[in-house]
Amino acid sequence: MTVYDCSIIKLPQIKNRAGNITPITSNIELPFHIKRVFYLYDIPGGESRGAHAHKECHQFLIAASGSFEVLLDDGKTQRIVQLNRPYYGLHIPPGIWASEINFSSGSICLVMTSHGYNEDDYIRNYEEFSER
């Protein structure tokens, strides 16, 4: 996998004068079945999150509110992707080191994953990751 295998996916929008809805369905909008959903919030300015890779788990990140950047790294190439609209998301396949950075005030990062939480699936040491 390379950082160019990470893709921005535009999600459907159902527009209404009373507010918009974006539905997300496993294996339709996302290239995997959703097993886990969580979100990051109340992130202090200057802090970063993530800074790990997965062995098997796919992730899909959305800026549900506000904005942030994702620093992607495949061990050879780095790429920064900005997320700032709730109807665009970033698919991160396994084997990519990802760090969420530069959160705007009040931002919310919504994450959907292909696997439940399993600490053995995480690579948290960058040196170990880069030696793969």
N, C-alpha and C. Protein backbone atom coordinates (compact mmCIF):
# COMPACT_ATOMS: atom_id res chain seq x y z
N MET A 1 0.83 -1.19 0.00
CA MET A 1 0.00 0.00 0.00
C MET A 1 0.87 1.25 0.00
N THR A 2 0.39 2.27 -0.68
CA THR A 2 1.07 3.56 -0.67
C THR A 2 0.07 4.63 -0.21
N VAL A 3 0.57 5.81 0.06
CA VAL A 3 -0.32 6.90 0.47
C VAL A 3 -1.32 7.24 -0.63
N TYR A 4 -1.01 6.85 -1.87
CA TYR A 4 -1.93 7.12 -2.98
C TYR A 4 -3.05 6.09 -3.08
N ASP A 5 -2.99 5.04 -2.25
CA ASP A 5 -4.11 4.11 -2.13
C ASP A 5 -5.16 4.62 -1.14
N CYS A 6 -4.84 5.69 -0.42
CA CYS A 6 -5.80 6.36 0.45
C CYS A 6 -6.63 7.29 -0.44
N SER A 7 -7.93 7.23 -0.30
CA SER A 7 -8.76 8.00 -1.23
C SER A 7 -9.82 8.81 -0.51
N ILE A 8 -10.09 9.98 -1.08
CA ILE A 8 -11.19 10.82 -0.63
C ILE A 8 -12.45 10.29 -1.31
N ILE A 9 -13.47 10.06 -0.52
CA ILE A 9 -14.74 9.57 -1.06
C ILE A 9 -15.81 10.61 -0.76
N LYS A 10 -16.52 11.03 -1.83
CA LYS A 10 -17.64 11.95 -1.64
C LYS A 10 -18.86 11.12 -1.27
N LEU A 11 -19.47 11.50 -0.18
CA LEU A 11 -20.64 10.79 0.32
C LEU A 11 -21.91 11.42 -0.22
N PRO A 12 -23.00 10.65 -0.28
CA PRO A 12 -24.25 11.21 -0.78
C PRO A 12 -24.80 12.27 0.18
N GLN A 13 -25.51 13.22 -0.40
CA GLN A 13 -26.15 14.26 0.40
C GLN A 13 -27.62 14.29 0.04
N ILE A 14 -28.45 14.27 1.04
CA ILE A 14 -29.88 14.49 0.84
C ILE A 14 -30.14 15.88 1.38
N LYS A 15 -30.36 16.81 0.46
CA LYS A 15 -30.50 18.22 0.85
C LYS A 15 -31.95 18.55 1.16
N ASN A 16 -32.11 19.36 2.18
CA ASN A 16 -33.42 19.78 2.62
C ASN A 16 -33.27 21.15 3.26
N ARG A 17 -34.25 22.00 3.08
CA ARG A 17 -34.15 23.36 3.64
C ARG A 17 -34.05 23.33 5.17
N ALA A 18 -34.49 22.23 5.78
CA ALA A 18 -34.43 22.10 7.24
C ALA A 18 -33.12 21.48 7.70
N GLY A 19 -32.23 21.16 6.76
CA GLY A 19 -30.94 20.56 7.11
C GLY A 19 -30.66 19.37 6.22
N ASN A 20 -29.40 19.02 6.09
CA ASN A 20 -28.98 17.96 5.18
C ASN A 20 -28.71 16.66 5.93
N ILE A 21 -28.78 15.55 5.19
CA ILE A 21 -28.49 14.23 5.74
C ILE A 21 -27.48 13.56 4.81
N THR A 22 -26.52 12.89 5.38
CA THR A 22 -25.57 12.08 4.62
C THR A 22 -25.63 10.65 5.16
N PRO A 23 -26.26 9.74 4.39
CA PRO A 23 -26.30 8.35 4.83
C PRO A 23 -25.01 7.62 4.44
N ILE A 24 -24.58 6.69 5.28
CA ILE A 24 -23.39 5.89 5.00
C ILE A 24 -23.76 4.43 5.22
N THR A 25 -23.55 3.62 4.19
CA THR A 25 -23.91 2.21 4.24
C THR A 25 -22.67 1.36 4.00
N SER A 26 -22.48 0.35 4.85
CA SER A 26 -21.36 -0.59 4.68
C SER A 26 -21.36 -1.16 3.27
N ASN A 27 -20.17 -1.30 2.71
CA ASN A 27 -19.97 -1.92 1.40
C ASN A 27 -20.66 -1.21 0.24
N ILE A 28 -21.22 -0.02 0.48
CA ILE A 28 -21.80 0.76 -0.62
C ILE A 28 -20.98 2.05 -0.74
N GLU A 29 -21.13 2.98 0.20
CA GLU A 29 -20.30 4.18 0.17
C GLU A 29 -18.87 3.87 0.59
N LEU A 30 -18.72 2.91 1.48
CA LEU A 30 -17.39 2.54 1.98
C LEU A 30 -16.97 1.21 1.39
N PRO A 31 -15.67 1.02 1.18
CA PRO A 31 -15.19 -0.25 0.60
C PRO A 31 -15.00 -1.36 1.63
N PHE A 32 -15.74 -1.30 2.73
CA PHE A 32 -15.66 -2.32 3.76
C PHE A 32 -16.93 -2.31 4.59
N HIS A 33 -17.13 -3.37 5.35
CA HIS A 33 -18.25 -3.47 6.28
C HIS A 33 -17.87 -2.77 7.58
N ILE A 34 -18.71 -1.88 8.07
CA ILE A 34 -18.42 -1.11 9.28
C ILE A 34 -18.65 -1.99 10.51
N LYS A 35 -17.59 -2.12 11.32
CA LYS A 35 -17.68 -2.90 12.56
C LYS A 35 -17.61 -2.02 13.81
N ARG A 36 -17.04 -0.81 13.66
CA ARG A 36 -16.84 0.05 14.83
C ARG A 36 -16.95 1.50 14.39
N VAL A 37 -17.57 2.31 15.24
CA VAL A 37 -17.70 3.75 15.00
C VAL A 37 -17.32 4.46 16.29
N PHE A 38 -16.48 5.50 16.15
CA PHE A 38 -16.15 6.33 17.31
C PHE A 38 -15.82 7.73 16.80
N TYR A 39 -15.72 8.68 17.71
CA TYR A 39 -15.36 10.03 17.30
C TYR A 39 -14.44 10.69 18.30
N LEU A 40 -13.62 11.58 17.78
CA LEU A 40 -12.66 12.35 18.58
C LEU A 40 -13.19 13.77 18.69
N TYR A 41 -13.12 14.36 19.87
CA TYR A 41 -13.62 15.71 20.08
C TYR A 41 -12.91 16.35 21.26
N ASP A 42 -13.12 17.63 21.46
CA ASP A 42 -12.47 18.40 22.53
C ASP A 42 -10.95 18.28 22.47
N ILE A 43 -10.42 18.29 21.28
CA ILE A 43 -8.97 18.15 21.09
C ILE A 43 -8.34 19.54 21.27
N PRO A 44 -7.43 19.69 22.24
CA PRO A 44 -6.80 21.00 22.45
C PRO A 44 -5.98 21.44 21.24
N GLY A 45 -5.92 22.75 21.03
CA GLY A 45 -5.11 23.29 19.94
C GLY A 45 -3.67 22.81 20.03
N GLY A 46 -3.10 22.45 18.90
CA GLY A 46 -1.72 22.00 18.85
C GLY A 46 -1.53 20.52 19.10
N GLU A 47 -2.58 19.83 19.55
CA GLU A 47 -2.48 18.39 19.79
C GLU A 47 -2.70 17.61 18.50
N SER A 48 -2.18 16.41 18.47
CA SER A 48 -2.42 15.51 17.34
C SER A 48 -2.97 14.21 17.88
N ARG A 49 -3.57 13.42 17.01
CA ARG A 49 -4.14 12.13 17.39
C ARG A 49 -3.66 11.10 16.37
N GLY A 50 -3.96 9.86 16.64
CA GLY A 50 -3.58 8.80 15.72
C GLY A 50 -2.14 8.39 15.93
N ALA A 51 -1.31 8.67 14.94
CA ALA A 51 0.11 8.30 14.95
C ALA A 51 0.28 6.80 15.14
N HIS A 52 -0.34 6.06 14.23
CA HIS A 52 -0.21 4.61 14.22
C HIS A 52 -0.64 4.08 12.85
N ALA A 53 -0.39 2.81 12.64
CA ALA A 53 -0.87 2.10 11.45
C ALA A 53 -1.62 0.87 11.92
N HIS A 54 -2.36 0.27 11.02
CA HIS A 54 -3.06 -0.98 11.31
C HIS A 54 -2.54 -2.08 10.40
N LYS A 55 -2.55 -3.30 10.90
CA LYS A 55 -2.12 -4.45 10.11
C LYS A 55 -3.24 -4.92 9.19
N GLU A 56 -4.49 -4.90 9.67
CA GLU A 56 -5.62 -5.41 8.89
C GLU A 56 -6.79 -4.45 8.78
N CYS A 57 -6.91 -3.54 9.70
CA CYS A 57 -8.10 -2.68 9.81
C CYS A 57 -8.08 -1.52 8.81
N HIS A 58 -9.20 -1.33 8.12
CA HIS A 58 -9.42 -0.14 7.28
C HIS A 58 -10.07 0.92 8.17
N GLN A 59 -9.78 2.19 7.88
CA GLN A 59 -10.41 3.29 8.59
C GLN A 59 -11.03 4.26 7.59
N PHE A 60 -12.08 4.93 8.00
CA PHE A 60 -12.70 5.98 7.19
C PHE A 60 -12.93 7.16 8.12
N LEU A 61 -12.32 8.31 7.82
CA LEU A 61 -12.37 9.49 8.67
C LEU A 61 -13.18 10.59 8.01
N ILE A 62 -14.01 11.25 8.80
CA ILE A 62 -14.83 12.37 8.34
C ILE A 62 -14.68 13.52 9.33
N ALA A 63 -14.55 14.74 8.81
CA ALA A 63 -14.63 15.92 9.67
C ALA A 63 -16.12 16.22 9.84
N ALA A 64 -16.72 15.63 10.87
CA ALA A 64 -18.15 15.82 11.11
C ALA A 64 -18.46 17.28 11.45
N SER A 65 -17.48 17.95 12.03
CA SER A 65 -17.58 19.37 12.34
C SER A 65 -16.17 19.95 12.32
N GLY A 66 -16.03 21.17 11.85
CA GLY A 66 -14.71 21.80 11.81
C GLY A 66 -13.81 21.18 10.75
N SER A 67 -12.52 21.21 11.04
CA SER A 67 -11.56 20.69 10.06
C SER A 67 -10.31 20.17 10.77
N PHE A 68 -9.58 19.33 10.05
CA PHE A 68 -8.29 18.83 10.49
C PHE A 68 -7.58 18.26 9.28
N GLU A 69 -6.31 17.95 9.46
CA GLU A 69 -5.52 17.36 8.39
C GLU A 69 -5.10 15.96 8.82
N VAL A 70 -4.86 15.11 7.83
CA VAL A 70 -4.36 13.77 8.10
C VAL A 70 -3.02 13.63 7.39
N LEU A 71 -1.98 13.36 8.17
CA LEU A 71 -0.65 13.12 7.61
C LEU A 71 -0.54 11.62 7.37
N LEU A 72 -0.44 11.25 6.11
CA LEU A 72 -0.34 9.85 5.69
C LEU A 72 1.10 9.53 5.37
N ASP A 73 1.54 8.32 5.71
CA ASP A 73 2.93 7.92 5.51
C ASP A 73 2.96 6.43 5.20
N ASP A 74 3.61 6.06 4.08
CA ASP A 74 3.71 4.63 3.75
C ASP A 74 5.12 4.10 4.00
N GLY A 75 5.97 4.90 4.65
CA GLY A 75 7.35 4.52 4.92
C GLY A 75 8.32 5.09 3.91
N LYS A 76 7.81 5.54 2.76
CA LYS A 76 8.64 6.16 1.73
C LYS A 76 8.14 7.55 1.35
N THR A 77 6.82 7.68 1.31
CA THR A 77 6.20 8.93 0.87
C THR A 77 5.22 9.41 1.92
N GLN A 78 5.16 10.74 2.09
CA GLN A 78 4.17 11.35 2.97
C GLN A 78 3.23 12.20 2.15
N ARG A 79 2.01 12.31 2.63
CA ARG A 79 0.97 13.09 1.94
C ARG A 79 0.06 13.66 3.01
N ILE A 80 -0.34 14.91 2.86
CA ILE A 80 -1.28 15.54 3.79
C ILE A 80 -2.61 15.75 3.08
N VAL A 81 -3.68 15.32 3.75
CA VAL A 81 -5.04 15.49 3.23
C VAL A 81 -5.82 16.32 4.23
N GLN A 82 -6.51 17.34 3.74
CA GLN A 82 -7.34 18.15 4.62
C GLN A 82 -8.79 17.68 4.53
N LEU A 83 -9.41 17.53 5.68
CA LEU A 83 -10.83 17.19 5.75
C LEU A 83 -11.56 18.36 6.39
N ASN A 84 -12.58 18.88 5.70
CA ASN A 84 -13.28 20.04 6.22
C ASN A 84 -14.76 20.11 5.82
N ARG A 85 -15.28 19.02 5.26
CA ARG A 85 -16.69 18.97 4.89
C ARG A 85 -17.27 17.63 5.35
N PRO A 86 -18.46 17.62 5.94
CA PRO A 86 -19.00 16.38 6.49
C PRO A 86 -19.50 15.38 5.45
N TYR A 87 -19.45 15.74 4.18
CA TYR A 87 -19.86 14.81 3.13
C TYR A 87 -18.67 14.31 2.30
N TYR A 88 -17.47 14.52 2.81
CA TYR A 88 -16.26 13.92 2.24
C TYR A 88 -15.55 13.15 3.35
N GLY A 89 -15.01 12.00 3.01
CA GLY A 89 -14.27 11.22 4.00
C GLY A 89 -13.02 10.64 3.38
N LEU A 90 -12.11 10.22 4.22
CA LEU A 90 -10.83 9.67 3.78
C LEU A 90 -10.76 8.20 4.15
N HIS A 91 -10.59 7.35 3.13
CA HIS A 91 -10.40 5.91 3.36
C HIS A 91 -8.91 5.66 3.53
N ILE A 92 -8.54 5.04 4.65
CA ILE A 92 -7.15 4.68 4.93
C ILE A 92 -7.07 3.17 5.04
N PRO A 93 -6.48 2.50 4.04
CA PRO A 93 -6.35 1.04 4.12
C PRO A 93 -5.27 0.64 5.11
N PRO A 94 -5.21 -0.64 5.47
CA PRO A 94 -4.17 -1.10 6.40
C PRO A 94 -2.78 -0.86 5.81
N GLY A 95 -1.80 -0.72 6.70
CA GLY A 95 -0.41 -0.56 6.27
C GLY A 95 0.01 0.88 6.04
N ILE A 96 -0.86 1.83 6.37
CA ILE A 96 -0.54 3.26 6.22
C ILE A 96 -0.48 3.88 7.61
N TRP A 97 0.61 4.59 7.88
CA TRP A 97 0.76 5.34 9.14
C TRP A 97 -0.05 6.62 8.99
N ALA A 98 -0.93 6.91 9.94
CA ALA A 98 -1.77 8.11 9.85
C ALA A 98 -1.76 8.87 11.16
N SER A 99 -1.65 10.19 11.05
CA SER A 99 -1.71 11.09 12.20
C SER A 99 -2.70 12.20 11.86
N GLU A 100 -3.64 12.46 12.76
CA GLU A 100 -4.57 13.56 12.58
C GLU A 100 -3.98 14.78 13.28
N ILE A 101 -3.88 15.88 12.53
CA ILE A 101 -3.18 17.07 13.01
C ILE A 101 -3.97 18.33 12.69
N ASN A 102 -3.57 19.44 13.29
CA ASN A 102 -4.10 20.77 12.97
C ASN A 102 -5.62 20.84 13.08
N PHE A 103 -6.16 20.39 14.20
CA PHE A 103 -7.59 20.44 14.42
C PHE A 103 -8.05 21.88 14.63
N SER A 104 -9.14 22.25 13.98
CA SER A 104 -9.74 23.55 14.25
C SER A 104 -10.50 23.48 15.58
N SER A 105 -10.78 24.61 16.15
CA SER A 105 -11.50 24.67 17.41
C SER A 105 -12.88 24.04 17.24
N GLY A 106 -13.24 23.14 18.14
CA GLY A 106 -14.56 22.53 18.11
C GLY A 106 -14.74 21.43 17.07
N SER A 107 -13.65 20.98 16.47
CA SER A 107 -13.78 19.97 15.42
C SER A 107 -14.11 18.60 16.01
N ILE A 108 -14.78 17.80 15.17
CA ILE A 108 -15.12 16.43 15.52
C ILE A 108 -14.66 15.53 14.38
N CYS A 109 -13.86 14.52 14.72
CA CYS A 109 -13.39 13.53 13.75
C CYS A 109 -14.19 12.26 13.96
N LEU A 110 -15.02 11.91 12.99
CA LEU A 110 -15.82 10.69 13.03
C LEU A 110 -15.03 9.59 12.33
N VAL A 111 -14.90 8.44 12.98
CA VAL A 111 -14.11 7.33 12.44
C VAL A 111 -14.96 6.07 12.35
N MET A 112 -14.93 5.42 11.20
CA MET A 112 -15.58 4.13 11.00
C MET A 112 -14.49 3.14 10.61
N THR A 113 -14.55 1.93 11.19
CA THR A 113 -13.50 0.95 10.93
C THR A 113 -14.07 -0.39 10.50
N SER A 114 -13.22 -1.16 9.85
CA SER A 114 -13.62 -2.48 9.35
C SER A 114 -13.51 -3.57 10.40
N HIS A 115 -12.87 -3.26 11.51
CA HIS A 115 -12.65 -4.24 12.57
C HIS A 115 -12.99 -3.61 13.91
N GLY A 116 -13.33 -4.45 14.88
CA GLY A 116 -13.48 -3.98 16.24
C GLY A 116 -12.11 -3.67 16.81
N TYR A 117 -12.09 -3.07 17.99
CA TYR A 117 -10.81 -2.73 18.61
C TYR A 117 -10.03 -4.00 18.92
N ASN A 118 -8.75 -4.01 18.50
CA ASN A 118 -7.85 -5.11 18.79
C ASN A 118 -6.44 -4.53 18.87
N GLU A 119 -5.90 -4.43 20.06
CA GLU A 119 -4.59 -3.82 20.25
C GLU A 119 -3.51 -4.49 19.41
N ASP A 120 -3.64 -5.79 19.14
CA ASP A 120 -2.64 -6.51 18.35
C ASP A 120 -2.61 -6.06 16.89
N ASP A 121 -3.67 -5.38 16.43
CA ASP A 121 -3.73 -4.89 15.05
C ASP A 121 -2.98 -3.56 14.88
N TYR A 122 -2.65 -2.90 15.97
CA TYR A 122 -2.00 -1.59 15.91
C TYR A 122 -0.48 -1.73 15.79
N ILE A 123 0.11 -0.85 15.00
CA ILE A 123 1.55 -0.63 14.99
C ILE A 123 1.74 0.79 15.52
N ARG A 124 2.23 0.91 16.72
CA ARG A 124 2.34 2.23 17.37
C ARG A 124 3.77 2.77 17.38
N ASN A 125 4.73 1.95 17.00
CA ASN A 125 6.12 2.36 16.98
C ASN A 125 6.52 2.63 15.53
N TYR A 126 6.90 3.89 15.23
CA TYR A 126 7.19 4.25 13.84
C TYR A 126 8.40 3.48 13.30
N GLU A 127 9.40 3.24 14.12
CA GLU A 127 10.56 2.48 13.65
C GLU A 127 10.17 1.07 13.23
N GLU A 128 9.32 0.44 14.02
CA GLU A 128 8.83 -0.89 13.67
C GLU A 128 8.04 -0.83 12.35
N PHE A 129 7.21 0.22 12.20
CA PHE A 129 6.44 0.39 10.98
C PHE A 129 7.35 0.56 9.76
N SER A 130 8.35 1.41 9.88
CA SER A 130 9.21 1.72 8.72
C SER A 130 10.11 0.55 8.32
N GLU A 131 10.30 -0.42 9.22
CA GLU A 131 11.13 -1.58 8.91
C GLU A 131 10.35 -2.68 8.20
N ARG A 132 9.06 -2.53 8.07
CA ARG A 132 8.23 -3.56 7.42
C ARG A 132 8.44 -3.62 5.94
